mmCIF file of all heavy atoms, coordinates in Angstrom:
data_MODEL
# 
_entry.id   MODEL 
# 
loop_
_atom_site.group_PDB 
_atom_site.id 
_atom_site.type_symbol 
_atom_site.label_atom_id 
_atom_site.label_alt_id 
_atom_site.label_comp_id 
_atom_site.label_asym_id 
_atom_site.label_entity_id 
_atom_site.label_seq_id 
_atom_site.pdbx_PDB_ins_code 
_atom_site.Cartn_x 
_atom_site.Cartn_y 
_atom_site.Cartn_z 
_atom_site.occupancy 
_atom_site.B_iso_or_equiv 
_atom_site.pdbx_formal_charge 
_atom_site.auth_seq_id 
_atom_site.auth_comp_id 
_atom_site.auth_asym_id 
_atom_site.auth_atom_id 
_atom_site.pdbx_PDB_model_num 
ATOM 1   N N   . THR A 1 1  ? 9.362   -4.564  -4.484 1.00 0.00 ? 1  THR A N   1 
ATOM 2   C CA  . THR A 1 1  ? 8.988   -3.404  -3.638 1.00 0.00 ? 1  THR A CA  1 
ATOM 3   C C   . THR A 1 1  ? 9.439   -2.089  -4.205 1.00 0.00 ? 1  THR A C   1 
ATOM 4   O O   . THR A 1 1  ? 9.607   -1.119  -3.471 1.00 0.00 ? 1  THR A O   1 
ATOM 5   C CB  . THR A 1 1  ? 9.494   -3.648  -2.282 1.00 0.00 ? 1  THR A CB  1 
ATOM 6   O OG1 . THR A 1 1  ? 10.934  -3.765  -2.305 1.00 0.00 ? 1  THR A OG1 1 
ATOM 7   C CG2 . THR A 1 1  ? 8.904   -4.809  -1.615 1.00 0.00 ? 1  THR A CG2 1 
ATOM 8   N N   . LEU A 1 2  ? 9.741   -2.056  -5.478 1.00 0.00 ? 2  LEU A N   1 
ATOM 9   C CA  . LEU A 1 2  ? 10.223  -0.751  -6.107 1.00 0.00 ? 2  LEU A CA  1 
ATOM 10  C C   . LEU A 1 2  ? 9.091   0.239   -6.265 1.00 0.00 ? 2  LEU A C   1 
ATOM 11  O O   . LEU A 1 2  ? 9.339   1.414   -6.318 1.00 0.00 ? 2  LEU A O   1 
ATOM 12  C CB  . LEU A 1 2  ? 10.901  -1.087  -7.427 1.00 0.00 ? 2  LEU A CB  1 
ATOM 13  C CG  . LEU A 1 2  ? 12.365  -1.604  -7.327 1.00 0.00 ? 2  LEU A CG  1 
ATOM 14  C CD1 . LEU A 1 2  ? 12.908  -1.947  -8.717 1.00 0.00 ? 2  LEU A CD1 1 
ATOM 15  C CD2 . LEU A 1 2  ? 13.236  -0.619  -6.637 1.00 0.00 ? 2  LEU A CD2 1 
ATOM 16  N N   . MET A 1 3  ? 7.867   -0.198  -6.444 1.00 0.00 ? 3  MET A N   1 
ATOM 17  C CA  . MET A 1 3  ? 6.771   0.705   -6.650 1.00 0.00 ? 3  MET A CA  1 
ATOM 18  C C   . MET A 1 3  ? 6.490   1.589   -5.525 1.00 0.00 ? 3  MET A C   1 
ATOM 19  O O   . MET A 1 3  ? 6.476   1.103   -4.363 1.00 0.00 ? 3  MET A O   1 
ATOM 20  C CB  . MET A 1 3  ? 5.555   -0.059  -7.022 1.00 0.00 ? 3  MET A CB  1 
ATOM 21  C CG  . MET A 1 3  ? 4.250   0.777   -7.308 1.00 0.00 ? 3  MET A CG  1 
ATOM 22  S SD  . MET A 1 3  ? 2.780   -0.162  -7.704 1.00 0.00 ? 3  MET A SD  1 
ATOM 23  C CE  . MET A 1 3  ? 2.508   -0.972  -6.147 1.00 0.00 ? 3  MET A CE  1 
ATOM 24  N N   . ILE A 1 4  ? 6.378   2.935   -5.765 1.00 0.00 ? 4  ILE A N   1 
ATOM 25  C CA  . ILE A 1 4  ? 6.142   3.859   -4.745 1.00 0.00 ? 4  ILE A CA  1 
ATOM 26  C C   . ILE A 1 4  ? 4.657   3.914   -4.439 1.00 0.00 ? 4  ILE A C   1 
ATOM 27  O O   . ILE A 1 4  ? 3.880   4.079   -5.319 1.00 0.00 ? 4  ILE A O   1 
ATOM 28  C CB  . ILE A 1 4  ? 6.666   5.295   -5.143 1.00 0.00 ? 4  ILE A CB  1 
ATOM 29  C CG1 . ILE A 1 4  ? 8.177   5.190   -5.448 1.00 0.00 ? 4  ILE A CG1 1 
ATOM 30  C CG2 . ILE A 1 4  ? 6.365   6.329   -4.008 1.00 0.00 ? 4  ILE A CG2 1 
ATOM 31  C CD1 . ILE A 1 4  ? 9.016   4.750   -4.345 1.00 0.00 ? 4  ILE A CD1 1 
ATOM 32  N N   . ALA A 1 5  ? 4.360   3.806   -3.178 1.00 0.00 ? 5  ALA A N   1 
ATOM 33  C CA  . ALA A 1 5  ? 2.931   3.765   -2.749 1.00 0.00 ? 5  ALA A CA  1 
ATOM 34  C C   . ALA A 1 5  ? 2.333   5.221   -2.872 1.00 0.00 ? 5  ALA A C   1 
ATOM 35  O O   . ALA A 1 5  ? 2.991   6.155   -2.486 1.00 0.00 ? 5  ALA A O   1 
ATOM 36  C CB  . ALA A 1 5  ? 2.752   3.250   -1.375 1.00 0.00 ? 5  ALA A CB  1 
ATOM 37  N N   . PRO A 1 6  ? 1.148   5.371   -3.283 1.00 0.00 ? 6  PRO A N   1 
ATOM 38  C CA  . PRO A 1 6  ? 0.455   6.663   -3.358 1.00 0.00 ? 6  PRO A CA  1 
ATOM 39  C C   . PRO A 1 6  ? 0.262   7.150   -1.910 1.00 0.00 ? 6  PRO A C   1 
ATOM 40  O O   . PRO A 1 6  ? 0.027   6.360   -1.004 1.00 0.00 ? 6  PRO A O   1 
ATOM 41  C CB  . PRO A 1 6  ? -0.809  6.416   -4.054 1.00 0.00 ? 6  PRO A CB  1 
ATOM 42  C CG  . PRO A 1 6  ? -1.119  4.964   -3.872 1.00 0.00 ? 6  PRO A CG  1 
ATOM 43  C CD  . PRO A 1 6  ? 0.231   4.313   -3.817 1.00 0.00 ? 6  PRO A CD  1 
ATOM 44  N N   . ARG A 1 7  ? 0.344   8.536   -1.774 1.00 0.00 ? 7  ARG A N   1 
ATOM 45  C CA  . ARG A 1 7  ? 0.110   9.078   -0.339 1.00 0.00 ? 7  ARG A CA  1 
ATOM 46  C C   . ARG A 1 7  ? -1.326  8.953   0.035  1.00 0.00 ? 7  ARG A C   1 
ATOM 47  O O   . ARG A 1 7  ? -1.598  8.852   1.184  1.00 0.00 ? 7  ARG A O   1 
ATOM 48  C CB  . ARG A 1 7  ? 0.550   10.494  -0.369 1.00 0.00 ? 7  ARG A CB  1 
ATOM 49  C CG  . ARG A 1 7  ? 1.990   10.755  -0.562 1.00 0.00 ? 7  ARG A CG  1 
ATOM 50  C CD  . ARG A 1 7  ? 2.866   10.201  0.531  1.00 0.00 ? 7  ARG A CD  1 
ATOM 51  N NE  . ARG A 1 7  ? 2.529   10.839  1.834  1.00 0.00 ? 7  ARG A NE  1 
ATOM 52  C CZ  . ARG A 1 7  ? 3.121   10.520  2.957  1.00 0.00 ? 7  ARG A CZ  1 
ATOM 53  N NH1 . ARG A 1 7  ? 3.974   9.519   3.018  1.00 0.00 ? 7  ARG A NH1 1 
ATOM 54  N NH2 . ARG A 1 7  ? 2.819   11.178  4.095  1.00 0.00 ? 7  ARG A NH2 1 
ATOM 55  N N   . GLN A 1 8  ? -2.226  8.988   -0.967 1.00 0.00 ? 8  GLN A N   1 
ATOM 56  C CA  . GLN A 1 8  ? -3.666  8.906   -0.605 1.00 0.00 ? 8  GLN A CA  1 
ATOM 57  C C   . GLN A 1 8  ? -4.150  7.431   -0.666 1.00 0.00 ? 8  GLN A C   1 
ATOM 58  O O   . GLN A 1 8  ? -3.953  6.731   -1.628 1.00 0.00 ? 8  GLN A O   1 
ATOM 59  C CB  . GLN A 1 8  ? -4.492  9.777   -1.673 1.00 0.00 ? 8  GLN A CB  1 
ATOM 60  C CG  . GLN A 1 8  ? -4.150  11.188  -1.643 1.00 0.00 ? 8  GLN A CG  1 
ATOM 61  C CD  . GLN A 1 8  ? -4.478  11.835  -0.367 1.00 0.00 ? 8  GLN A CD  1 
ATOM 62  O OE1 . GLN A 1 8  ? -5.451  11.507  0.277  1.00 0.00 ? 8  GLN A OE1 1 
ATOM 63  N NE2 . GLN A 1 8  ? -3.699  12.887  -0.061 1.00 0.00 ? 8  GLN A NE2 1 
ATOM 64  N N   . HIS A 1 9  ? -4.653  6.984   0.446  1.00 0.00 ? 9  HIS A N   1 
ATOM 65  C CA  . HIS A 1 9  ? -5.197  5.645   0.548  1.00 0.00 ? 9  HIS A CA  1 
ATOM 66  C C   . HIS A 1 9  ? -6.283  5.587   1.595  1.00 0.00 ? 9  HIS A C   1 
ATOM 67  O O   . HIS A 1 9  ? -6.323  6.505   2.402  1.00 0.00 ? 9  HIS A O   1 
ATOM 68  C CB  . HIS A 1 9  ? -4.069  4.661   0.979  1.00 0.00 ? 9  HIS A CB  1 
ATOM 69  C CG  . HIS A 1 9  ? -3.427  4.937   2.228  1.00 0.00 ? 9  HIS A CG  1 
ATOM 70  N ND1 . HIS A 1 9  ? -2.361  5.821   2.345  1.00 0.00 ? 9  HIS A ND1 1 
ATOM 71  C CD2 . HIS A 1 9  ? -3.675  4.607   3.571  1.00 0.00 ? 9  HIS A CD2 1 
ATOM 72  C CE1 . HIS A 1 9  ? -1.965  5.953   3.586  1.00 0.00 ? 9  HIS A CE1 1 
ATOM 73  N NE2 . HIS A 1 9  ? -2.794  5.217   4.321  1.00 0.00 ? 9  HIS A NE2 1 
ATOM 74  N N   . PRO A 1 10 ? -7.249  4.671   1.498  1.00 0.00 ? 10 PRO A N   1 
ATOM 75  C CA  . PRO A 1 10 ? -8.257  4.667   2.471  1.00 0.00 ? 10 PRO A CA  1 
ATOM 76  C C   . PRO A 1 10 ? -7.799  4.613   3.892  1.00 0.00 ? 10 PRO A C   1 
ATOM 77  O O   . PRO A 1 10 ? -6.826  3.890   4.214  1.00 0.00 ? 10 PRO A O   1 
ATOM 78  C CB  . PRO A 1 10 ? -9.048  3.352   2.113  1.00 0.00 ? 10 PRO A CB  1 
ATOM 79  C CG  . PRO A 1 10 ? -8.704  3.121   0.679  1.00 0.00 ? 10 PRO A CG  1 
ATOM 80  C CD  . PRO A 1 10 ? -7.294  3.596   0.485  1.00 0.00 ? 10 PRO A CD  1 
ATOM 81  N N   . ALA A 1 11 ? -8.438  5.347   4.793  1.00 0.00 ? 11 ALA A N   1 
ATOM 82  C CA  . ALA A 1 11 ? -7.986  5.418   6.162  1.00 0.00 ? 11 ALA A CA  1 
ATOM 83  C C   . ALA A 1 11 ? -8.083  4.020   6.849  1.00 0.00 ? 11 ALA A C   1 
ATOM 84  O O   . ALA A 1 11 ? -7.392  3.719   7.804  1.00 0.00 ? 11 ALA A O   1 
ATOM 85  C CB  . ALA A 1 11 ? -8.703  6.426   6.964  1.00 0.00 ? 11 ALA A CB  1 
ATOM 86  N N   . THR A 1 12 ? -9.003  3.202   6.370  1.00 0.00 ? 12 THR A N   1 
ATOM 87  C CA  . THR A 1 12 ? -9.172  1.909   6.988  1.00 0.00 ? 12 THR A CA  1 
ATOM 88  C C   . THR A 1 12 ? -8.311  0.879   6.399  1.00 0.00 ? 12 THR A C   1 
ATOM 89  O O   . THR A 1 12 ? -8.308  -0.328  6.910  1.00 0.00 ? 12 THR A O   1 
ATOM 90  C CB  . THR A 1 12 ? -10.676 1.498   6.737  1.00 0.00 ? 12 THR A CB  1 
ATOM 91  O OG1 . THR A 1 12 ? -10.901 1.491   5.305  1.00 0.00 ? 12 THR A OG1 1 
ATOM 92  C CG2 . THR A 1 12 ? -11.645 2.435   7.392  1.00 0.00 ? 12 THR A CG2 1 
ATOM 93  N N   . ALA A 1 13 ? -7.499  1.119   5.419  1.00 0.00 ? 13 ALA A N   1 
ATOM 94  C CA  . ALA A 1 13 ? -6.652  0.201   4.774  1.00 0.00 ? 13 ALA A CA  1 
ATOM 95  C C   . ALA A 1 13 ? -5.231  0.141   5.352  1.00 0.00 ? 13 ALA A C   1 
ATOM 96  O O   . ALA A 1 13 ? -4.813  1.116   6.002  1.00 0.00 ? 13 ALA A O   1 
ATOM 97  C CB  . ALA A 1 13 ? -6.568  0.381   3.257  1.00 0.00 ? 13 ALA A CB  1 
ATOM 98  N N   . CYS A 1 14 ? -4.508  -0.834  5.059  1.00 0.00 ? 14 CYS A N   1 
ATOM 99  C CA  . CYS A 1 14 ? -3.081  -0.872  5.394  1.00 0.00 ? 14 CYS A CA  1 
ATOM 100 C C   . CYS A 1 14 ? -2.294  0.009   4.473  1.00 0.00 ? 14 CYS A C   1 
ATOM 101 O O   . CYS A 1 14 ? -2.321  -0.109  3.263  1.00 0.00 ? 14 CYS A O   1 
ATOM 102 C CB  . CYS A 1 14 ? -2.585  -2.318  5.240  1.00 0.00 ? 14 CYS A CB  1 
ATOM 103 S SG  . CYS A 1 14 ? -0.712  -2.485  5.482  1.00 0.00 ? 14 CYS A SG  1 
ATOM 104 N N   . PRO A 1 15 ? -1.573  0.980   5.020  1.00 0.00 ? 15 PRO A N   1 
ATOM 105 C CA  . PRO A 1 15 ? -0.910  1.938   4.169  1.00 0.00 ? 15 PRO A CA  1 
ATOM 106 C C   . PRO A 1 15 ? 0.187   1.326   3.310  1.00 0.00 ? 15 PRO A C   1 
ATOM 107 O O   . PRO A 1 15 ? 0.561   1.916   2.279  1.00 0.00 ? 15 PRO A O   1 
ATOM 108 C CB  . PRO A 1 15 ? -0.288  2.936   5.155  1.00 0.00 ? 15 PRO A CB  1 
ATOM 109 C CG  . PRO A 1 15 ? -0.165  2.195   6.433  1.00 0.00 ? 15 PRO A CG  1 
ATOM 110 C CD  . PRO A 1 15 ? -1.274  1.195   6.435  1.00 0.00 ? 15 PRO A CD  1 
ATOM 111 N N   . TYR A 1 16 ? 0.703   0.187   3.714  1.00 0.00 ? 16 TYR A N   1 
ATOM 112 C CA  . TYR A 1 16 ? 1.763   -0.454  2.916  1.00 0.00 ? 16 TYR A CA  1 
ATOM 113 C C   . TYR A 1 16 ? 1.279   -1.415  1.855  1.00 0.00 ? 16 TYR A C   1 
ATOM 114 O O   . TYR A 1 16 ? 2.006   -1.941  1.090  1.00 0.00 ? 16 TYR A O   1 
ATOM 115 C CB  . TYR A 1 16 ? 2.717   -1.262  3.856  1.00 0.00 ? 16 TYR A CB  1 
ATOM 116 C CG  . TYR A 1 16 ? 3.970   -1.692  3.242  1.00 0.00 ? 16 TYR A CG  1 
ATOM 117 C CD1 . TYR A 1 16 ? 4.922   -0.810  2.741  1.00 0.00 ? 16 TYR A CD1 1 
ATOM 118 C CD2 . TYR A 1 16 ? 4.266   -3.009  3.097  1.00 0.00 ? 16 TYR A CD2 1 
ATOM 119 C CE1 . TYR A 1 16 ? 6.070   -1.178  2.147  1.00 0.00 ? 16 TYR A CE1 1 
ATOM 120 C CE2 . TYR A 1 16 ? 5.407   -3.506  2.474  1.00 0.00 ? 16 TYR A CE2 1 
ATOM 121 C CZ  . TYR A 1 16 ? 6.355   -2.539  1.985  1.00 0.00 ? 16 TYR A CZ  1 
ATOM 122 O OH  . TYR A 1 16 ? 7.489   -3.009  1.394  1.00 0.00 ? 16 TYR A OH  1 
ATOM 123 N N   . ALA A 1 17 ? -0.079  -1.659  1.781  1.00 0.00 ? 17 ALA A N   1 
ATOM 124 C CA  . ALA A 1 17 ? -0.631  -2.595  0.919  1.00 0.00 ? 17 ALA A CA  1 
ATOM 125 C C   . ALA A 1 17 ? -0.225  -2.476  -0.603 1.00 0.00 ? 17 ALA A C   1 
ATOM 126 O O   . ALA A 1 17 ? 0.065   -3.423  -1.284 1.00 0.00 ? 17 ALA A O   1 
ATOM 127 C CB  . ALA A 1 17 ? -2.151  -2.642  1.010  1.00 0.00 ? 17 ALA A CB  1 
ATOM 128 N N   . PRO A 1 18 ? -0.194  -1.127  -1.122 1.00 0.00 ? 18 PRO A N   1 
ATOM 129 C CA  . PRO A 1 18 ? 0.167   -0.989  -2.514 1.00 0.00 ? 18 PRO A CA  1 
ATOM 130 C C   . PRO A 1 18 ? 1.606   -1.453  -2.830 1.00 0.00 ? 18 PRO A C   1 
ATOM 131 O O   . PRO A 1 18 ? 1.914   -1.659  -4.027 1.00 0.00 ? 18 PRO A O   1 
ATOM 132 C CB  . PRO A 1 18 ? -0.024  0.547   -2.793 1.00 0.00 ? 18 PRO A CB  1 
ATOM 133 C CG  . PRO A 1 18 ? -0.939  0.980   -1.713 1.00 0.00 ? 18 PRO A CG  1 
ATOM 134 C CD  . PRO A 1 18 ? -0.597  0.130   -0.541 1.00 0.00 ? 18 PRO A CD  1 
ATOM 135 N N   . ARG A 1 19 ? 2.401   -1.601  -1.843 1.00 0.00 ? 19 ARG A N   1 
ATOM 136 C CA  . ARG A 1 19 ? 3.870   -1.956  -2.084 1.00 0.00 ? 19 ARG A CA  1 
ATOM 137 C C   . ARG A 1 19 ? 4.177   -3.386  -1.724 1.00 0.00 ? 19 ARG A C   1 
ATOM 138 O O   . ARG A 1 19 ? 5.230   -3.945  -1.883 1.00 0.00 ? 19 ARG A O   1 
ATOM 139 C CB  . ARG A 1 19 ? 4.816   -1.017  -1.432 1.00 0.00 ? 19 ARG A CB  1 
ATOM 140 C CG  . ARG A 1 19 ? 4.758   0.462   -1.867 1.00 0.00 ? 19 ARG A CG  1 
ATOM 141 C CD  . ARG A 1 19 ? 5.626   1.306   -1.012 1.00 0.00 ? 19 ARG A CD  1 
ATOM 142 N NE  . ARG A 1 19 ? 7.003   1.019   -1.019 1.00 0.00 ? 19 ARG A NE  1 
ATOM 143 C CZ  . ARG A 1 19 ? 7.941   1.751   -0.363 1.00 0.00 ? 19 ARG A CZ  1 
ATOM 144 N NH1 . ARG A 1 19 ? 7.573   2.860   0.302  1.00 0.00 ? 19 ARG A NH1 1 
ATOM 145 N NH2 . ARG A 1 19 ? 9.238   1.475   -0.563 1.00 0.00 ? 19 ARG A NH2 1 
ATOM 146 N N   . CYS A 1 20 ? 3.227   -3.995  -0.908 1.00 0.00 ? 20 CYS A N   1 
ATOM 147 C CA  . CYS A 1 20 ? 3.499   -5.257  -0.285 1.00 0.00 ? 20 CYS A CA  1 
ATOM 148 C C   . CYS A 1 20 ? 3.344   -6.433  -1.145 1.00 0.00 ? 20 CYS A C   1 
ATOM 149 O O   . CYS A 1 20 ? 2.342   -6.658  -1.820 1.00 0.00 ? 20 CYS A O   1 
ATOM 150 C CB  . CYS A 1 20 ? 2.581   -5.394  0.919  1.00 0.00 ? 20 CYS A CB  1 
ATOM 151 S SG  . CYS A 1 20 ? 2.947   -6.892  1.927  1.00 0.00 ? 20 CYS A SG  1 
ATOM 152 N N   . PRO A 1 21 ? 4.292   -7.371  -1.236 1.00 0.00 ? 21 PRO A N   1 
ATOM 153 C CA  . PRO A 1 21 ? 4.249   -8.520  -2.051 1.00 0.00 ? 21 PRO A CA  1 
ATOM 154 C C   . PRO A 1 21 ? 3.254   -9.520  -1.486 1.00 0.00 ? 21 PRO A C   1 
ATOM 155 O O   . PRO A 1 21 ? 2.837   -10.459 -2.125 1.00 0.00 ? 21 PRO A O   1 
ATOM 156 C CB  . PRO A 1 21 ? 5.669   -9.100  -2.004 1.00 0.00 ? 21 PRO A CB  1 
ATOM 157 C CG  . PRO A 1 21 ? 6.280   -8.623  -0.793 1.00 0.00 ? 21 PRO A CG  1 
ATOM 158 C CD  . PRO A 1 21 ? 5.684   -7.271  -0.515 1.00 0.00 ? 21 PRO A CD  1 
ATOM 159 N N   . HIS A 1 22 ? 2.844   -9.385  -0.205 1.00 0.00 ? 22 HIS A N   1 
ATOM 160 C CA  . HIS A 1 22 ? 1.942   -10.312 0.479  1.00 0.00 ? 22 HIS A CA  1 
ATOM 161 C C   . HIS A 1 22 ? 0.559   -9.796  0.606  1.00 0.00 ? 22 HIS A C   1 
ATOM 162 O O   . HIS A 1 22 ? -0.360  -10.452 1.263  1.00 0.00 ? 22 HIS A O   1 
ATOM 163 C CB  . HIS A 1 22 ? 2.454   -10.742 1.812  1.00 0.00 ? 22 HIS A CB  1 
ATOM 164 C CG  . HIS A 1 22 ? 3.844   -11.238 1.761  1.00 0.00 ? 22 HIS A CG  1 
ATOM 165 N ND1 . HIS A 1 22 ? 4.326   -12.277 0.983  1.00 0.00 ? 22 HIS A ND1 1 
ATOM 166 C CD2 . HIS A 1 22 ? 5.028   -10.794 2.510  1.00 0.00 ? 22 HIS A CD2 1 
ATOM 167 C CE1 . HIS A 1 22 ? 5.608   -12.490 1.158  1.00 0.00 ? 22 HIS A CE1 1 
ATOM 168 N NE2 . HIS A 1 22 ? 6.058   -11.601 2.061  1.00 0.00 ? 22 HIS A NE2 1 
ATOM 169 N N   . ALA A 1 23 ? 0.254   -8.599  0.029  1.00 0.00 ? 23 ALA A N   1 
ATOM 170 C CA  . ALA A 1 23 ? -1.040  -8.065  0.192  1.00 0.00 ? 23 ALA A CA  1 
ATOM 171 C C   . ALA A 1 23 ? -2.221  -8.855  -0.301 1.00 0.00 ? 23 ALA A C   1 
ATOM 172 O O   . ALA A 1 23 ? -2.089  -9.469  -1.375 1.00 0.00 ? 23 ALA A O   1 
ATOM 173 C CB  . ALA A 1 23 ? -1.133  -6.621  -0.410 1.00 0.00 ? 23 ALA A CB  1 
ATOM 174 N N   . GLN A 1 24 ? -3.303  -8.896  0.508  1.00 0.00 ? 24 GLN A N   1 
ATOM 175 C CA  . GLN A 1 24 ? -4.519  -9.579  0.113  1.00 0.00 ? 24 GLN A CA  1 
ATOM 176 C C   . GLN A 1 24 ? -5.684  -8.677  0.290  1.00 0.00 ? 24 GLN A C   1 
ATOM 177 O O   . GLN A 1 24 ? -5.575  -7.508  0.721  1.00 0.00 ? 24 GLN A O   1 
ATOM 178 C CB  . GLN A 1 24 ? -4.665  -10.854 0.862  1.00 0.00 ? 24 GLN A CB  1 
ATOM 179 C CG  . GLN A 1 24 ? -3.424  -11.840 0.683  1.00 0.00 ? 24 GLN A CG  1 
ATOM 180 C CD  . GLN A 1 24 ? -3.646  -13.178 1.358  1.00 0.00 ? 24 GLN A CD  1 
ATOM 181 O OE1 . GLN A 1 24 ? -4.726  -13.611 1.474  1.00 0.00 ? 24 GLN A OE1 1 
ATOM 182 N NE2 . GLN A 1 24 ? -2.497  -13.786 1.818  1.00 0.00 ? 24 GLN A NE2 1 
# 
C-alpha cells in the first residue's frame, strides 16, 4: 500500500482501488 493514489479517478469507481491489494 505504499503507492499514492492519484487524486483524479472516475466518480463511479472506488477511490481506494489504485492502492488496494484486493481491488478487482
